Structure formats: structure tokens, C-alpha cells
């Protein structure tokens, strides 16, 4: 598979190890019949959305949570 993973807190070697483990897990699931090639392609083609940072979320809701009730 192509390179699909970037975890900034891991070294390149650690990232390669994680990618290899993911590839092996996917291959096992295909062999066991849990996933089909079509399902894998659908997952690969999915657009991922970044996780929100807690600082971003906090700034959105802060005014609603801590305002004076009058």
C-alpha cells in the first residue's frame, strides 16, 4: 500500500512499523473474509476530516458555558 499515515510525534521508523501493522491487519481481514477488496477501496477513497483541537472547541463554546445567567 502507499504511504497514508503521518503521526508527528513518532519517528519515521515508528511510523513505518505502525503502517506495516495496519497493512498486515487489513491483509488478515481480507483472508478471513471480513473485508472485501471493494470495501477496502471504499475506505481508501473516504475523505478524512481532521479532529478538532480542544482549544478550538473550547473557544466556540466558552461564551455559552460561562456567561452570566440574568
N, C-alpha and C. Protein backbone atom coordinates (compact mmCIF):
# COMPACT_ATOMS: atom_id res chain seq x y z
N UNK A 1 0.84 -1.20 0.00
CA UNK A 1 0.00 0.00 0.00
C UNK A 1 0.88 1.25 0.00
N UNK A 2 0.28 2.36 -0.37
CA UNK A 2 1.02 3.61 -0.39
C UNK A 2 1.09 4.22 1.01
N UNK A 3 1.98 5.16 1.17
CA UNK A 3 2.13 5.82 2.46
C UNK A 3 0.88 6.64 2.74
N UNK A 4 0.25 6.38 3.87
CA UNK A 4 -1.01 7.04 4.17
C UNK A 4 -1.06 7.62 5.57
N UNK A 5 0.00 7.50 6.32
CA UNK A 5 -0.04 7.82 7.73
C UNK A 5 1.04 8.83 8.08
N UNK A 6 0.66 9.84 8.85
CA UNK A 6 1.64 10.78 9.38
C UNK A 6 1.27 11.09 10.82
N UNK A 7 2.10 10.63 11.73
CA UNK A 7 1.91 10.92 13.14
C UNK A 7 3.16 11.66 13.58
N UNK A 8 3.02 12.94 13.81
CA UNK A 8 4.19 13.79 14.02
C UNK A 8 5.00 13.44 15.26
N UNK A 9 4.37 12.83 16.25
CA UNK A 9 5.12 12.51 17.47
C UNK A 9 5.92 11.21 17.35
N UNK A 10 5.77 10.50 16.22
CA UNK A 10 6.52 9.26 16.01
C UNK A 10 7.67 9.50 15.05
N UNK A 11 8.72 8.74 15.25
CA UNK A 11 9.85 8.80 14.32
C UNK A 11 9.44 8.12 13.01
N UNK A 12 10.17 8.38 11.93
CA UNK A 12 9.84 7.72 10.65
C UNK A 12 9.84 6.19 10.77
N UNK A 13 10.75 5.65 11.56
CA UNK A 13 10.81 4.20 11.74
C UNK A 13 9.56 3.70 12.46
N UNK A 14 9.13 4.42 13.48
CA UNK A 14 7.93 4.03 14.21
C UNK A 14 6.68 4.13 13.32
N UNK A 15 6.64 5.17 12.48
CA UNK A 15 5.52 5.31 11.55
C UNK A 15 5.48 4.14 10.58
N UNK A 16 6.64 3.74 10.08
CA UNK A 16 6.71 2.59 9.17
C UNK A 16 6.22 1.32 9.85
N UNK A 17 6.59 1.15 11.11
CA UNK A 17 6.16 -0.04 11.87
C UNK A 17 4.64 -0.05 12.03
N UNK A 18 4.07 1.10 12.36
CA UNK A 18 2.61 1.20 12.52
C UNK A 18 1.92 0.92 11.19
N UNK A 19 2.44 1.49 10.10
CA UNK A 19 1.87 1.25 8.78
C UNK A 19 1.92 -0.23 8.42
N UNK A 20 3.04 -0.88 8.74
CA UNK A 20 3.18 -2.30 8.45
C UNK A 20 2.16 -3.12 9.23
N UNK A 21 1.97 -2.76 10.50
CA UNK A 21 0.99 -3.47 11.33
C UNK A 21 -0.43 -3.28 10.76
N UNK A 22 -0.74 -2.08 10.29
CA UNK A 22 -2.06 -1.82 9.70
C UNK A 22 -2.22 -2.63 8.42
N UNK A 23 -1.21 -2.62 7.57
CA UNK A 23 -1.26 -3.40 6.33
C UNK A 23 -1.48 -4.89 6.61
N UNK A 24 -0.77 -5.41 7.61
CA UNK A 24 -0.91 -6.82 7.97
C UNK A 24 -2.31 -7.12 8.50
N UNK A 25 -2.86 -6.22 9.31
CA UNK A 25 -4.21 -6.41 9.84
C UNK A 25 -5.25 -6.41 8.73
N UNK A 26 -5.09 -5.51 7.76
CA UNK A 26 -6.01 -5.46 6.62
C UNK A 26 -5.90 -6.74 5.81
N UNK A 27 -4.69 -7.20 5.56
CA UNK A 27 -4.49 -8.44 4.79
C UNK A 27 -5.14 -9.63 5.50
N UNK A 28 -4.99 -9.70 6.82
CA UNK A 28 -5.62 -10.78 7.60
C UNK A 28 -7.14 -10.74 7.46
N UNK A 29 -7.71 -9.53 7.53
CA UNK A 29 -9.17 -9.42 7.43
C UNK A 29 -9.68 -9.80 6.05
N UNK A 30 -8.89 -9.50 5.02
CA UNK A 30 -9.26 -9.92 3.67
C UNK A 30 -9.21 -11.45 3.57
N UNK A 31 -8.14 -12.05 4.09
CA UNK A 31 -8.00 -13.51 4.04
C UNK A 31 -9.12 -14.20 4.81
N UNK A 32 -9.54 -13.62 5.94
CA UNK A 32 -10.59 -14.22 6.77
C UNK A 32 -11.99 -13.93 6.20
N UNK A 33 -12.06 -13.10 5.17
CA UNK A 33 -13.36 -12.79 4.58
C UNK A 33 -14.14 -11.73 5.32
N UNK A 34 -13.49 -11.04 6.24
CA UNK A 34 -14.17 -9.98 7.00
C UNK A 34 -14.34 -8.74 6.14
N UNK A 35 -13.34 -8.44 5.31
CA UNK A 35 -13.39 -7.30 4.40
C UNK A 35 -13.19 -7.78 2.97
N UNK A 36 -13.84 -7.08 2.03
CA UNK A 36 -13.63 -7.38 0.62
C UNK A 36 -12.74 -6.31 0.01
N UNK A 37 -12.21 -6.60 -1.16
CA UNK A 37 -11.38 -5.60 -1.86
C UNK A 37 -12.19 -4.33 -2.12
N UNK A 38 -13.47 -4.49 -2.43
CA UNK A 38 -14.33 -3.32 -2.68
C UNK A 38 -14.46 -2.45 -1.43
N UNK A 39 -14.65 -3.08 -0.28
CA UNK A 39 -14.76 -2.32 0.97
C UNK A 39 -13.46 -1.59 1.28
N UNK A 40 -12.34 -2.23 1.00
CA UNK A 40 -11.04 -1.58 1.21
C UNK A 40 -10.93 -0.35 0.32
N UNK A 41 -11.30 -0.48 -0.96
CA UNK A 41 -11.24 0.67 -1.88
C UNK A 41 -12.14 1.80 -1.39
N UNK A 42 -13.34 1.46 -0.89
CA UNK A 42 -14.25 2.49 -0.38
C UNK A 42 -13.63 3.23 0.80
N UNK A 43 -12.98 2.48 1.68
CA UNK A 43 -12.34 3.10 2.85
C UNK A 43 -11.19 3.99 2.40
N UNK A 44 -10.40 3.51 1.44
CA UNK A 44 -9.25 4.28 0.95
C UNK A 44 -9.73 5.60 0.32
N UNK A 45 -10.85 5.56 -0.37
CA UNK A 45 -11.34 6.75 -1.07
C UNK A 45 -12.08 7.74 -0.16
N UNK A 46 -12.34 7.36 1.08
CA UNK A 46 -13.04 8.26 2.00
C UNK A 46 -12.21 9.51 2.25
N UNK A 47 -12.90 10.64 2.34
CA UNK A 47 -12.22 11.88 2.70
C UNK A 47 -12.23 11.98 4.22
N UNK A 48 -11.06 12.15 4.77
CA UNK A 48 -10.95 12.28 6.23
C UNK A 48 -11.05 13.73 6.63
N UNK A 49 -11.69 13.94 7.74
CA UNK A 49 -11.76 15.29 8.30
C UNK A 49 -10.89 15.34 9.54
N UNK A 50 -10.14 16.40 9.71
CA UNK A 50 -9.25 16.47 10.88
C UNK A 50 -10.04 16.54 12.19
N UNK A 51 -9.46 15.98 13.22
CA UNK A 51 -10.05 16.07 14.54
C UNK A 51 -9.92 17.50 15.05
N UNK A 52 -10.94 17.95 15.75
CA UNK A 52 -10.87 19.29 16.33
C UNK A 52 -9.90 19.30 17.49
N UNK A 53 -9.19 20.37 17.61
CA UNK A 53 -8.31 20.58 18.74
C UNK A 53 -9.17 21.10 19.89
N UNK A 54 -8.89 20.66 21.10
CA UNK A 54 -9.69 21.09 22.26
C UNK A 54 -9.69 22.61 22.41
N UNK A 55 -8.60 23.25 22.02
CA UNK A 55 -8.56 24.70 22.10
C UNK A 55 -9.57 25.34 21.14
N UNK A 56 -9.73 24.75 19.95
CA UNK A 56 -10.72 25.26 19.00
C UNK A 56 -12.13 25.07 19.54
N UNK A 57 -12.41 23.90 20.07
CA UNK A 57 -13.75 23.61 20.59
C UNK A 57 -14.06 24.52 21.77
N UNK A 58 -13.11 24.67 22.66
CA UNK A 58 -13.33 25.49 23.84
C UNK A 58 -13.69 26.92 23.46
N UNK A 59 -13.02 27.49 22.49
CA UNK A 59 -13.29 28.87 22.12
C UNK A 59 -14.67 29.02 21.49
N UNK A 60 -15.19 27.97 20.88
CA UNK A 60 -16.53 28.03 20.29
C UNK A 60 -17.59 28.04 21.36
N UNK A 61 -17.44 27.20 22.39
CA UNK A 61 -18.48 27.03 23.39
C UNK A 61 -18.28 27.86 24.65
N UNK A 62 -17.15 28.46 24.82
CA UNK A 62 -16.83 29.16 26.05
C UNK A 62 -17.87 30.22 26.40
N UNK A 63 -18.28 31.03 25.45
CA UNK A 63 -19.24 32.10 25.72
C UNK A 63 -20.58 31.56 26.19
N UNK A 64 -20.97 30.41 25.70
CA UNK A 64 -22.26 29.83 26.08
C UNK A 64 -22.20 29.16 27.44
N UNK A 65 -21.08 28.63 27.80
CA UNK A 65 -20.97 27.89 29.05
C UNK A 65 -20.75 28.79 30.26
N UNK A 66 -20.05 29.90 30.06
CA UNK A 66 -19.63 30.70 31.20
C UNK A 66 -20.27 32.08 31.23
N UNK A 67 -21.36 32.26 30.56
CA UNK A 67 -21.98 33.58 30.59
C UNK A 67 -22.87 33.71 31.82
N UNK A 68 -23.07 34.94 32.27
CA UNK A 68 -23.93 35.20 33.43
C UNK A 68 -25.37 34.93 33.06
N UNK A 69 -26.09 34.27 33.99
CA UNK A 69 -27.49 33.99 33.77
C UNK A 69 -28.30 35.12 34.41
N UNK A 70 -28.86 35.98 33.57
CA UNK A 70 -29.63 37.11 34.08
C UNK A 70 -31.01 37.11 33.49
